[in-house]
ModelCIF file with pLDDT and N, C-alpha, C, O atoms, coordinates in Angstrom:
data_MODEL
#
_entry.id   MODEL 
#
_entity.id                         1 
_entity.type                       polymer 
_entity.pdbx_number_of_molecules   1 
#
_entity_poly.entity_id                      1 
_entity_poly.type                           'polypeptide(L)' 
_entity_poly.nstd_linkage                   no 
_entity_poly.nstd_monomer                   no 
_entity_poly.pdbx_seq_one_letter_code       SFSNYSINLKNILGKNILSLRNISYNKRIDVSKFRNGTYVLEIATNSE 
_entity_poly.pdbx_seq_one_letter_code_can   SFSNYSINLKNILGKNILSLRNISYNKRIDVSKFRNGTYVLEIATNSE 
_entity_poly.pdbx_strand_id                 A 
#
loop_
_entity_poly_seq.entity_id 
_entity_poly_seq.num 
_entity_poly_seq.mon_id 
_entity_poly_seq.hetero 
1 1  SER n 
1 2  PHE n 
1 3  SER n 
1 4  ASN n 
1 5  TYR n 
1 6  SER n 
1 7  ILE n 
1 8  ASN n 
1 9  LEU n 
1 10 LYS n 
1 11 ASN n 
1 12 ILE n 
1 13 LEU n 
1 14 GLY n 
1 15 LYS n 
1 16 ASN n 
1 17 ILE n 
1 18 LEU n 
1 19 SER n 
1 20 LEU n 
1 21 ARG n 
1 22 ASN n 
1 23 ILE n 
1 24 SER n 
1 25 TYR n 
1 26 ASN n 
1 27 LYS n 
1 28 ARG n 
1 29 ILE n 
1 30 ASP n 
1 31 VAL n 
1 32 SER n 
1 33 LYS n 
1 34 PHE n 
1 35 ARG n 
1 36 ASN n 
1 37 GLY n 
1 38 THR n 
1 39 TYR n 
1 40 VAL n 
1 41 LEU n 
1 42 GLU n 
1 43 ILE n 
1 44 ALA n 
1 45 THR n 
1 46 ASN n 
1 47 SER n 
1 48 GLU n 
#
_struct_asym.id          A 
_struct_asym.entity_id   1 
#
loop_
_ma_qa_metric.id 
_ma_qa_metric.mode 
_ma_qa_metric.name 
_ma_qa_metric.software_group_id 
_ma_qa_metric.type 
1 global pLDDT . pLDDT 
2 local  pLDDT . pLDDT 
#
_ma_qa_metric_global.metric_id      1 
_ma_qa_metric_global.metric_value   84.79 
_ma_qa_metric_global.model_id       1 
_ma_qa_metric_global.ordinal_id     1 
#
loop_
_ma_qa_metric_local.label_asym_id 
_ma_qa_metric_local.label_comp_id 
_ma_qa_metric_local.label_seq_id 
_ma_qa_metric_local.metric_id 
_ma_qa_metric_local.metric_value 
_ma_qa_metric_local.model_id 
_ma_qa_metric_local.ordinal_id 
A SER 1  2 76.00 1 1  
A PHE 2  2 76.00 1 2  
A SER 3  2 77.00 1 3  
A ASN 4  2 80.00 1 4  
A TYR 5  2 84.00 1 5  
A SER 6  2 87.00 1 6  
A ILE 7  2 90.00 1 7  
A ASN 8  2 89.00 1 8  
A LEU 9  2 91.00 1 9  
A LYS 10 2 88.00 1 10 
A ASN 11 2 86.00 1 11 
A ILE 12 2 76.00 1 12 
A LEU 13 2 77.00 1 13 
A GLY 14 2 77.00 1 14 
A LYS 15 2 84.00 1 15 
A ASN 16 2 87.00 1 16 
A ILE 17 2 91.00 1 17 
A LEU 18 2 92.00 1 18 
A SER 19 2 91.00 1 19 
A LEU 20 2 92.00 1 20 
A ARG 21 2 89.00 1 21 
A ASN 22 2 88.00 1 22 
A ILE 23 2 90.00 1 23 
A SER 24 2 87.00 1 24 
A TYR 25 2 85.00 1 25 
A ASN 26 2 90.00 1 26 
A LYS 27 2 91.00 1 27 
A ARG 28 2 92.00 1 28 
A ILE 29 2 93.00 1 29 
A ASP 30 2 93.00 1 30 
A VAL 31 2 92.00 1 31 
A SER 32 2 91.00 1 32 
A LYS 33 2 90.00 1 33 
A PHE 34 2 91.00 1 34 
A ARG 35 2 90.00 1 35 
A ASN 36 2 90.00 1 36 
A GLY 37 2 88.00 1 37 
A THR 38 2 87.00 1 38 
A TYR 39 2 88.00 1 39 
A VAL 40 2 85.00 1 40 
A LEU 41 2 87.00 1 41 
A GLU 42 2 84.00 1 42 
A ILE 43 2 85.00 1 43 
A ALA 44 2 79.00 1 44 
A THR 45 2 72.00 1 45 
A ASN 46 2 63.00 1 46 
A SER 47 2 56.00 1 47 
A GLU 48 2 63.00 1 48 
#
loop_
_atom_site.group_PDB 
_atom_site.id 
_atom_site.type_symbol 
_atom_site.label_atom_id 
_atom_site.label_alt_id 
_atom_site.label_comp_id 
_atom_site.label_asym_id 
_atom_site.label_entity_id 
_atom_site.label_seq_id 
_atom_site.pdbx_PDB_ins_code 
_atom_site.Cartn_x 
_atom_site.Cartn_y 
_atom_site.Cartn_z 
_atom_site.occupancy 
_atom_site.B_iso_or_equiv 
_atom_site.pdbx_formal_charge 
_atom_site.auth_seq_id 
_atom_site.auth_comp_id 
_atom_site.auth_asym_id 
_atom_site.auth_atom_id 
_atom_site.pdbx_PDB_model_num 
ATOM 1   N N  . SER A 1 1  ? 123.769 110.627 10.340 1.00 76.00 ? 1  SER A N  1 
ATOM 2   C CA . SER A 1 1  ? 123.359 111.860 9.673  1.00 76.00 ? 1  SER A CA 1 
ATOM 3   C C  . SER A 1 1  ? 122.356 112.648 10.502 1.00 76.00 ? 1  SER A C  1 
ATOM 4   O O  . SER A 1 1  ? 121.923 113.724 10.089 1.00 76.00 ? 1  SER A O  1 
ATOM 5   N N  . PHE A 1 2  ? 121.975 112.117 11.685 1.00 76.00 ? 2  PHE A N  1 
ATOM 6   C CA . PHE A 1 2  ? 121.030 112.830 12.541 1.00 76.00 ? 2  PHE A CA 1 
ATOM 7   C C  . PHE A 1 2  ? 121.642 114.145 13.023 1.00 76.00 ? 2  PHE A C  1 
ATOM 8   O O  . PHE A 1 2  ? 122.792 114.180 13.462 1.00 76.00 ? 2  PHE A O  1 
ATOM 9   N N  . SER A 1 3  ? 120.875 115.208 12.938 1.00 77.00 ? 3  SER A N  1 
ATOM 10  C CA . SER A 1 3  ? 121.367 116.529 13.330 1.00 77.00 ? 3  SER A CA 1 
ATOM 11  C C  . SER A 1 3  ? 120.981 116.911 14.759 1.00 77.00 ? 3  SER A C  1 
ATOM 12  O O  . SER A 1 3  ? 121.504 117.882 15.306 1.00 77.00 ? 3  SER A O  1 
ATOM 13  N N  . ASN A 1 4  ? 120.074 116.158 15.357 1.00 80.00 ? 4  ASN A N  1 
ATOM 14  C CA . ASN A 1 4  ? 119.669 116.439 16.726 1.00 80.00 ? 4  ASN A CA 1 
ATOM 15  C C  . ASN A 1 4  ? 119.142 115.156 17.357 1.00 80.00 ? 4  ASN A C  1 
ATOM 16  O O  . ASN A 1 4  ? 118.028 114.726 17.055 1.00 80.00 ? 4  ASN A O  1 
ATOM 17  N N  . TYR A 1 5  ? 119.929 114.548 18.224 1.00 84.00 ? 5  TYR A N  1 
ATOM 18  C CA . TYR A 1 5  ? 119.519 113.300 18.829 1.00 84.00 ? 5  TYR A CA 1 
ATOM 19  C C  . TYR A 1 5  ? 120.053 113.205 20.255 1.00 84.00 ? 5  TYR A C  1 
ATOM 20  O O  . TYR A 1 5  ? 120.915 113.987 20.656 1.00 84.00 ? 5  TYR A O  1 
ATOM 21  N N  . SER A 1 6  ? 119.541 112.255 21.006 1.00 87.00 ? 6  SER A N  1 
ATOM 22  C CA . SER A 1 6  ? 119.968 112.021 22.382 1.00 87.00 ? 6  SER A CA 1 
ATOM 23  C C  . SER A 1 6  ? 120.486 110.602 22.529 1.00 87.00 ? 6  SER A C  1 
ATOM 24  O O  . SER A 1 6  ? 120.183 109.728 21.717 1.00 87.00 ? 6  SER A O  1 
ATOM 25  N N  . ILE A 1 7  ? 121.269 110.387 23.573 1.00 90.00 ? 7  ILE A N  1 
ATOM 26  C CA . ILE A 1 7  ? 121.865 109.080 23.847 1.00 90.00 ? 7  ILE A CA 1 
ATOM 27  C C  . ILE A 1 7  ? 121.581 108.703 25.295 1.00 90.00 ? 7  ILE A C  1 
ATOM 28  O O  . ILE A 1 7  ? 121.758 109.511 26.206 1.00 90.00 ? 7  ILE A O  1 
ATOM 29  N N  . ASN A 1 8  ? 121.141 107.474 25.491 1.00 89.00 ? 8  ASN A N  1 
ATOM 30  C CA . ASN A 1 8  ? 121.043 106.876 26.813 1.00 89.00 ? 8  ASN A CA 1 
ATOM 31  C C  . ASN A 1 8  ? 121.781 105.545 26.794 1.00 89.00 ? 8  ASN A C  1 
ATOM 32  O O  . ASN A 1 8  ? 121.554 104.715 25.913 1.00 89.00 ? 8  ASN A O  1 
ATOM 33  N N  . LEU A 1 9  ? 122.655 105.344 27.758 1.00 91.00 ? 9  LEU A N  1 
ATOM 34  C CA . LEU A 1 9  ? 123.357 104.076 27.902 1.00 91.00 ? 9  LEU A CA 1 
ATOM 35  C C  . LEU A 1 9  ? 122.911 103.456 29.210 1.00 91.00 ? 9  LEU A C  1 
ATOM 36  O O  . LEU A 1 9  ? 123.047 104.065 30.272 1.00 91.00 ? 9  LEU A O  1 
ATOM 37  N N  . LYS A 1 10 ? 122.371 102.232 29.137 1.00 88.00 ? 10 LYS A N  1 
ATOM 38  C CA . LYS A 1 10 ? 121.805 101.569 30.303 1.00 88.00 ? 10 LYS A CA 1 
ATOM 39  C C  . LYS A 1 10 ? 122.481 100.226 30.527 1.00 88.00 ? 10 LYS A C  1 
ATOM 40  O O  . LYS A 1 10 ? 122.931 99.574  29.585 1.00 88.00 ? 10 LYS A O  1 
ATOM 41  N N  . ASN A 1 11 ? 122.544 99.826  31.794 1.00 86.00 ? 11 ASN A N  1 
ATOM 42  C CA . ASN A 1 11 ? 123.056 98.491  32.075 1.00 86.00 ? 11 ASN A CA 1 
ATOM 43  C C  . ASN A 1 11 ? 121.970 97.468  31.823 1.00 86.00 ? 11 ASN A C  1 
ATOM 44  O O  . ASN A 1 11 ? 120.850 97.827  31.458 1.00 86.00 ? 11 ASN A O  1 
ATOM 45  N N  . ILE A 1 12 ? 122.287 96.197  32.012 1.00 76.00 ? 12 ILE A N  1 
ATOM 46  C CA . ILE A 1 12 ? 121.371 95.124  31.663 1.00 76.00 ? 12 ILE A CA 1 
ATOM 47  C C  . ILE A 1 12 ? 120.113 95.126  32.533 1.00 76.00 ? 12 ILE A C  1 
ATOM 48  O O  . ILE A 1 12 ? 119.106 94.519  32.170 1.00 76.00 ? 12 ILE A O  1 
ATOM 49  N N  . LEU A 1 13 ? 120.171 95.820  33.701 1.00 77.00 ? 13 LEU A N  1 
ATOM 50  C CA . LEU A 1 13 ? 119.021 95.926  34.588 1.00 77.00 ? 13 LEU A CA 1 
ATOM 51  C C  . LEU A 1 13 ? 118.124 97.102  34.236 1.00 77.00 ? 13 LEU A C  1 
ATOM 52  O O  . LEU A 1 13 ? 117.087 97.314  34.865 1.00 77.00 ? 13 LEU A O  1 
ATOM 53  N N  . GLY A 1 14 ? 118.534 97.873  33.218 1.00 77.00 ? 14 GLY A N  1 
ATOM 54  C CA . GLY A 1 14 ? 117.739 99.008  32.791 1.00 77.00 ? 14 GLY A CA 1 
ATOM 55  C C  . GLY A 1 14 ? 118.085 100.322 33.465 1.00 77.00 ? 14 GLY A C  1 
ATOM 56  O O  . GLY A 1 14 ? 117.419 101.329 33.224 1.00 77.00 ? 14 GLY A O  1 
ATOM 57  N N  . LYS A 1 15 ? 119.123 100.336 34.314 1.00 84.00 ? 15 LYS A N  1 
ATOM 58  C CA . LYS A 1 15 ? 119.526 101.558 34.990 1.00 84.00 ? 15 LYS A CA 1 
ATOM 59  C C  . LYS A 1 15 ? 120.319 102.441 34.045 1.00 84.00 ? 15 LYS A C  1 
ATOM 60  O O  . LYS A 1 15 ? 121.253 101.987 33.384 1.00 84.00 ? 15 LYS A O  1 
ATOM 61  N N  . ASN A 1 16 ? 119.935 103.711 33.989 1.00 87.00 ? 16 ASN A N  1 
ATOM 62  C CA . ASN A 1 16 ? 120.584 104.670 33.107 1.00 87.00 ? 16 ASN A CA 1 
ATOM 63  C C  . ASN A 1 16 ? 121.914 105.091 33.712 1.00 87.00 ? 16 ASN A C  1 
ATOM 64  O O  . ASN A 1 16 ? 121.942 105.611 34.827 1.00 87.00 ? 16 ASN A O  1 
ATOM 65  N N  . ILE A 1 17 ? 123.031 104.875 32.993 1.00 91.00 ? 17 ILE A N  1 
ATOM 66  C CA . ILE A 1 17 ? 124.351 105.231 33.514 1.00 91.00 ? 17 ILE A CA 1 
ATOM 67  C C  . ILE A 1 17 ? 124.994 106.381 32.742 1.00 91.00 ? 17 ILE A C  1 
ATOM 68  O O  . ILE A 1 17 ? 126.017 106.920 33.166 1.00 91.00 ? 17 ILE A O  1 
ATOM 69  N N  . LEU A 1 18 ? 124.391 106.761 31.600 1.00 92.00 ? 18 LEU A N  1 
ATOM 70  C CA . LEU A 1 18 ? 124.909 107.871 30.821 1.00 92.00 ? 18 LEU A CA 1 
ATOM 71  C C  . LEU A 1 18 ? 123.797 108.459 29.965 1.00 92.00 ? 18 LEU A C  1 
ATOM 72  O O  . LEU A 1 18 ? 123.085 107.726 29.279 1.00 92.00 ? 18 LEU A O  1 
ATOM 73  N N  . SER A 1 19 ? 123.647 109.792 30.005 1.00 91.00 ? 19 SER A N  1 
ATOM 74  C CA . SER A 1 19 ? 122.657 110.488 29.183 1.00 91.00 ? 19 SER A CA 1 
ATOM 75  C C  . SER A 1 19 ? 123.295 111.695 28.520 1.00 91.00 ? 19 SER A C  1 
ATOM 76  O O  . SER A 1 19 ? 123.958 112.491 29.184 1.00 91.00 ? 19 SER A O  1 
ATOM 77  N N  . LEU A 1 20 ? 123.102 111.834 27.227 1.00 92.00 ? 20 LEU A N  1 
ATOM 78  C CA . LEU A 1 20 ? 123.605 112.959 26.460 1.00 92.00 ? 20 LEU A CA 1 
ATOM 79  C C  . LEU A 1 20 ? 122.480 113.505 25.605 1.00 92.00 ? 20 LEU A C  1 
ATOM 80  O O  . LEU A 1 20 ? 121.683 112.741 25.060 1.00 92.00 ? 20 LEU A O  1 
ATOM 81  N N  . ARG A 1 21 ? 122.409 114.836 25.482 1.00 89.00 ? 21 ARG A N  1 
ATOM 82  C CA . ARG A 1 21 ? 121.325 115.464 24.757 1.00 89.00 ? 21 ARG A CA 1 
ATOM 83  C C  . ARG A 1 21 ? 121.868 116.416 23.692 1.00 89.00 ? 21 ARG A C  1 
ATOM 84  O O  . ARG A 1 21 ? 123.015 116.857 23.748 1.00 89.00 ? 21 ARG A O  1 
ATOM 85  N N  . ASN A 1 22 ? 120.990 116.719 22.708 1.00 88.00 ? 22 ASN A N  1 
ATOM 86  C CA . ASN A 1 22 ? 121.279 117.723 21.680 1.00 88.00 ? 22 ASN A CA 1 
ATOM 87  C C  . ASN A 1 22 ? 122.604 117.458 20.958 1.00 88.00 ? 22 ASN A C  1 
ATOM 88  O O  . ASN A 1 22 ? 123.453 118.341 20.837 1.00 88.00 ? 22 ASN A O  1 
ATOM 89  N N  . ILE A 1 23 ? 122.752 116.234 20.489 1.00 90.00 ? 23 ILE A N  1 
ATOM 90  C CA . ILE A 1 23 ? 123.960 115.835 19.777 1.00 90.00 ? 23 ILE A CA 1 
ATOM 91  C C  . ILE A 1 23 ? 123.724 115.964 18.285 1.00 90.00 ? 23 ILE A C  1 
ATOM 92  O O  . ILE A 1 23 ? 122.637 115.661 17.795 1.00 90.00 ? 23 ILE A O  1 
ATOM 93  N N  . SER A 1 24 ? 124.725 116.406 17.574 1.00 87.00 ? 24 SER A N  1 
ATOM 94  C CA . SER A 1 24 ? 124.628 116.515 16.120 1.00 87.00 ? 24 SER A CA 1 
ATOM 95  C C  . SER A 1 24 ? 125.693 115.646 15.465 1.00 87.00 ? 24 SER A C  1 
ATOM 96  O O  . SER A 1 24 ? 126.879 115.746 15.777 1.00 87.00 ? 24 SER A O  1 
ATOM 97  N N  . TYR A 1 25 ? 125.248 114.803 14.561 1.00 85.00 ? 25 TYR A N  1 
ATOM 98  C CA . TYR A 1 25 ? 126.119 113.995 13.723 1.00 85.00 ? 25 TYR A CA 1 
ATOM 99  C C  . TYR A 1 25 ? 126.985 113.044 14.549 1.00 85.00 ? 25 TYR A C  1 
ATOM 100 O O  . TYR A 1 25 ? 126.459 112.350 15.419 1.00 85.00 ? 25 TYR A O  1 
ATOM 101 N N  . ASN A 1 26 ? 128.246 112.992 14.314 1.00 90.00 ? 26 ASN A N  1 
ATOM 102 C CA . ASN A 1 26 ? 129.092 111.941 14.895 1.00 90.00 ? 26 ASN A CA 1 
ATOM 103 C C  . ASN A 1 26 ? 129.439 112.239 16.356 1.00 90.00 ? 26 ASN A C  1 
ATOM 104 O O  . ASN A 1 26 ? 129.554 113.395 16.765 1.00 90.00 ? 26 ASN A O  1 
ATOM 105 N N  . LYS A 1 27 ? 129.602 111.162 17.129 1.00 91.00 ? 27 LYS A N  1 
ATOM 106 C CA . LYS A 1 27 ? 129.894 111.298 18.549 1.00 91.00 ? 27 LYS A CA 1 
ATOM 107 C C  . LYS A 1 27 ? 130.760 110.135 19.031 1.00 91.00 ? 27 LYS A C  1 
ATOM 108 O O  . LYS A 1 27 ? 130.540 108.982 18.659 1.00 91.00 ? 27 LYS A O  1 
ATOM 109 N N  . ARG A 1 28 ? 131.747 110.460 19.863 1.00 92.00 ? 28 ARG A N  1 
ATOM 110 C CA . ARG A 1 28 ? 132.588 109.447 20.494 1.00 92.00 ? 28 ARG A CA 1 
ATOM 111 C C  . ARG A 1 28 ? 132.303 109.449 21.997 1.00 92.00 ? 28 ARG A C  1 
ATOM 112 O O  . ARG A 1 28 ? 132.312 110.498 22.641 1.00 92.00 ? 28 ARG A O  1 
ATOM 113 N N  . ILE A 1 29 ? 132.048 108.242 22.550 1.00 93.00 ? 29 ILE A N  1 
ATOM 114 C CA . ILE A 1 29 ? 131.709 108.105 23.965 1.00 93.00 ? 29 ILE A CA 1 
ATOM 115 C C  . ILE A 1 29 ? 132.820 107.336 24.674 1.00 93.00 ? 29 ILE A C  1 
ATOM 116 O O  . ILE A 1 29 ? 133.199 106.246 24.245 1.00 93.00 ? 29 ILE A O  1 
ATOM 117 N N  . ASP A 1 30 ? 133.339 107.903 25.756 1.00 93.00 ? 30 ASP A N  1 
ATOM 118 C CA . ASP A 1 30 ? 134.362 107.254 26.567 1.00 93.00 ? 30 ASP A CA 1 
ATOM 119 C C  . ASP A 1 30 ? 133.690 106.225 27.488 1.00 93.00 ? 30 ASP A C  1 
ATOM 120 O O  . ASP A 1 30 ? 132.856 106.592 28.315 1.00 93.00 ? 30 ASP A O  1 
ATOM 121 N N  . VAL A 1 31 ? 134.043 104.958 27.352 1.00 92.00 ? 31 VAL A N  1 
ATOM 122 C CA . VAL A 1 31 ? 133.480 103.899 28.190 1.00 92.00 ? 31 VAL A CA 1 
ATOM 123 C C  . VAL A 1 31 ? 134.555 103.175 28.982 1.00 92.00 ? 31 VAL A C  1 
ATOM 124 O O  . VAL A 1 31 ? 134.311 102.096 29.522 1.00 92.00 ? 31 VAL A O  1 
ATOM 125 N N  . SER A 1 32 ? 135.744 103.761 29.054 1.00 91.00 ? 32 SER A N  1 
ATOM 126 C CA . SER A 1 32 ? 136.881 103.097 29.687 1.00 91.00 ? 32 SER A CA 1 
ATOM 127 C C  . SER A 1 32 ? 136.676 102.860 31.177 1.00 91.00 ? 32 SER A C  1 
ATOM 128 O O  . SER A 1 32 ? 137.283 101.955 31.751 1.00 91.00 ? 32 SER A O  1 
ATOM 129 N N  . LYS A 1 33 ? 135.816 103.677 31.815 1.00 90.00 ? 33 LYS A N  1 
ATOM 130 C CA . LYS A 1 33 ? 135.608 103.551 33.250 1.00 90.00 ? 33 LYS A CA 1 
ATOM 131 C C  . LYS A 1 33 ? 134.401 102.689 33.602 1.00 90.00 ? 33 LYS A C  1 
ATOM 132 O O  . LYS A 1 33 ? 134.099 102.493 34.779 1.00 90.00 ? 33 LYS A O  1 
ATOM 133 N N  . PHE A 1 34 ? 133.708 102.174 32.585 1.00 91.00 ? 34 PHE A N  1 
ATOM 134 C CA . PHE A 1 34 ? 132.547 101.327 32.844 1.00 91.00 ? 34 PHE A CA 1 
ATOM 135 C C  . PHE A 1 34 ? 132.980 99.884  33.077 1.00 91.00 ? 34 PHE A C  1 
ATOM 136 O O  . PHE A 1 34 ? 133.986 99.431  32.530 1.00 91.00 ? 34 PHE A O  1 
ATOM 137 N N  . ARG A 1 35 ? 132.214 99.174  33.889 1.00 90.00 ? 35 ARG A N  1 
ATOM 138 C CA . ARG A 1 35 ? 132.489 97.766  34.150 1.00 90.00 ? 35 ARG A CA 1 
ATOM 139 C C  . ARG A 1 35 ? 132.260 96.917  32.909 1.00 90.00 ? 35 ARG A C  1 
ATOM 140 O O  . ARG A 1 35 ? 131.444 97.254  32.051 1.00 90.00 ? 35 ARG A O  1 
ATOM 141 N N  . ASN A 1 36 ? 132.982 95.829  32.827 1.00 90.00 ? 36 ASN A N  1 
ATOM 142 C CA . ASN A 1 36 ? 132.739 94.877  31.738 1.00 90.00 ? 36 ASN A CA 1 
ATOM 143 C C  . ASN A 1 36 ? 131.317 94.327  31.822 1.00 90.00 ? 36 ASN A C  1 
ATOM 144 O O  . ASN A 1 36 ? 130.810 94.056  32.911 1.00 90.00 ? 36 ASN A O  1 
ATOM 145 N N  . GLY A 1 37 ? 130.684 94.165  30.669 1.00 88.00 ? 37 GLY A N  1 
ATOM 146 C CA . GLY A 1 37 ? 129.340 93.602  30.661 1.00 88.00 ? 37 GLY A CA 1 
ATOM 147 C C  . GLY A 1 37 ? 128.553 94.022  29.434 1.00 88.00 ? 37 GLY A C  1 
ATOM 148 O O  . GLY A 1 37 ? 129.087 94.620  28.500 1.00 88.00 ? 37 GLY A O  1 
ATOM 149 N N  . THR A 1 38 ? 127.286 93.698  29.460 1.00 87.00 ? 38 THR A N  1 
ATOM 150 C CA . THR A 1 38 ? 126.386 94.013  28.357 1.00 87.00 ? 38 THR A CA 1 
ATOM 151 C C  . THR A 1 38 ? 125.557 95.253  28.693 1.00 87.00 ? 38 THR A C  1 
ATOM 152 O O  . THR A 1 38 ? 125.026 95.366  29.797 1.00 87.00 ? 38 THR A O  1 
ATOM 153 N N  . TYR A 1 39 ? 125.450 96.173  27.749 1.00 88.00 ? 39 TYR A N  1 
ATOM 154 C CA . TYR A 1 39 ? 124.729 97.425  27.935 1.00 88.00 ? 39 TYR A CA 1 
ATOM 155 C C  . TYR A 1 39 ? 123.739 97.631  26.786 1.00 88.00 ? 39 TYR A C  1 
ATOM 156 O O  . TYR A 1 39 ? 123.863 97.028  25.720 1.00 88.00 ? 39 TYR A O  1 
ATOM 157 N N  . VAL A 1 40 ? 122.766 98.493  27.030 1.00 85.00 ? 40 VAL A N  1 
ATOM 158 C CA . VAL A 1 40 ? 121.794 98.859  26.010 1.00 85.00 ? 40 VAL A CA 1 
ATOM 159 C C  . VAL A 1 40 ? 122.004 100.323 25.638 1.00 85.00 ? 40 VAL A C  1 
ATOM 160 O O  . VAL A 1 40 ? 121.918 101.207 26.491 1.00 85.00 ? 40 VAL A O  1 
ATOM 161 N N  . LEU A 1 41 ? 122.278 100.572 24.371 1.00 87.00 ? 41 LEU A N  1 
ATOM 162 C CA . LEU A 1 41 ? 122.478 101.921 23.855 1.00 87.00 ? 41 LEU A CA 1 
ATOM 163 C C  . LEU A 1 41 ? 121.214 102.365 23.127 1.00 87.00 ? 41 LEU A C  1 
ATOM 164 O O  . LEU A 1 41 ? 120.764 101.708 22.188 1.00 87.00 ? 41 LEU A O  1 
ATOM 165 N N  . GLU A 1 42 ? 120.647 103.483 23.568 1.00 84.00 ? 42 GLU A N  1 
ATOM 166 C CA . GLU A 1 42 ? 119.468 104.060 22.921 1.00 84.00 ? 42 GLU A CA 1 
ATOM 167 C C  . GLU A 1 42 ? 119.865 105.360 22.226 1.00 84.00 ? 42 GLU A C  1 
ATOM 168 O O  . GLU A 1 42 ? 120.433 106.255 22.853 1.00 84.00 ? 42 GLU A O  1 
ATOM 169 N N  . ILE A 1 43 ? 119.573 105.462 20.959 1.00 85.00 ? 43 ILE A N  1 
ATOM 170 C CA . ILE A 1 43 ? 119.773 106.683 20.184 1.00 85.00 ? 43 ILE A CA 1 
ATOM 171 C C  . ILE A 1 43 ? 118.399 107.151 19.731 1.00 85.00 ? 43 ILE A C  1 
ATOM 172 O O  . ILE A 1 43 ? 117.735 106.456 18.962 1.00 85.00 ? 43 ILE A O  1 
ATOM 173 N N  . ALA A 1 44 ? 117.962 108.319 20.194 1.00 79.00 ? 44 ALA A N  1 
ATOM 174 C CA . ALA A 1 44 ? 116.592 108.750 19.960 1.00 79.00 ? 44 ALA A CA 1 
ATOM 175 C C  . ALA A 1 44 ? 116.543 110.120 19.292 1.00 79.00 ? 44 ALA A C  1 
ATOM 176 O O  . ALA A 1 44 ? 117.267 111.041 19.670 1.00 79.00 ? 44 ALA A O  1 
ATOM 177 N N  . THR A 1 45 ? 115.677 110.231 18.297 1.00 72.00 ? 45 THR A N  1 
ATOM 178 C CA . THR A 1 45 ? 115.323 111.510 17.706 1.00 72.00 ? 45 THR A CA 1 
ATOM 179 C C  . THR A 1 45 ? 113.887 111.827 18.105 1.00 72.00 ? 45 THR A C  1 
ATOM 180 O O  . THR A 1 45 ? 113.299 111.113 18.918 1.00 72.00 ? 45 THR A O  1 
ATOM 181 N N  . ASN A 1 46 ? 113.333 112.858 17.558 1.00 63.00 ? 46 ASN A N  1 
ATOM 182 C CA . ASN A 1 46 ? 111.947 113.185 17.856 1.00 63.00 ? 46 ASN A CA 1 
ATOM 183 C C  . ASN A 1 46 ? 110.965 112.174 17.289 1.00 63.00 ? 46 ASN A C  1 
ATOM 184 O O  . ASN A 1 46 ? 109.821 112.100 17.739 1.00 63.00 ? 46 ASN A O  1 
ATOM 185 N N  . SER A 1 47 ? 111.397 111.397 16.307 1.00 56.00 ? 47 SER A N  1 
ATOM 186 C CA . SER A 1 47 ? 110.482 110.505 15.603 1.00 56.00 ? 47 SER A CA 1 
ATOM 187 C C  . SER A 1 47 ? 110.802 109.020 15.732 1.00 56.00 ? 47 SER A C  1 
ATOM 188 O O  . SER A 1 47 ? 109.952 108.185 15.420 1.00 56.00 ? 47 SER A O  1 
ATOM 189 N N  . GLU A 1 48 ? 111.988 108.673 16.176 1.00 63.00 ? 48 GLU A N  1 
ATOM 190 C CA . GLU A 1 48 ? 112.340 107.263 16.245 1.00 63.00 ? 48 GLU A CA 1 
ATOM 191 C C  . GLU A 1 48 ? 113.373 107.012 17.330 1.00 63.00 ? 48 GLU A C  1 
ATOM 192 O O  . GLU A 1 48 ? 113.791 105.873 17.533 1.00 63.00 ? 48 GLU A O  1 
#
């Protein structure tokens, strides 16, 4: 339900591999070209 948020996708070493800004509500992210493994997804608003 967030109307304005950002996305950062990082690998297990903390390197940022994808950044998206000013997103509203639902979002689909294409990850088909990323290597298999564990990633950290950050969804941030102004307050959390």
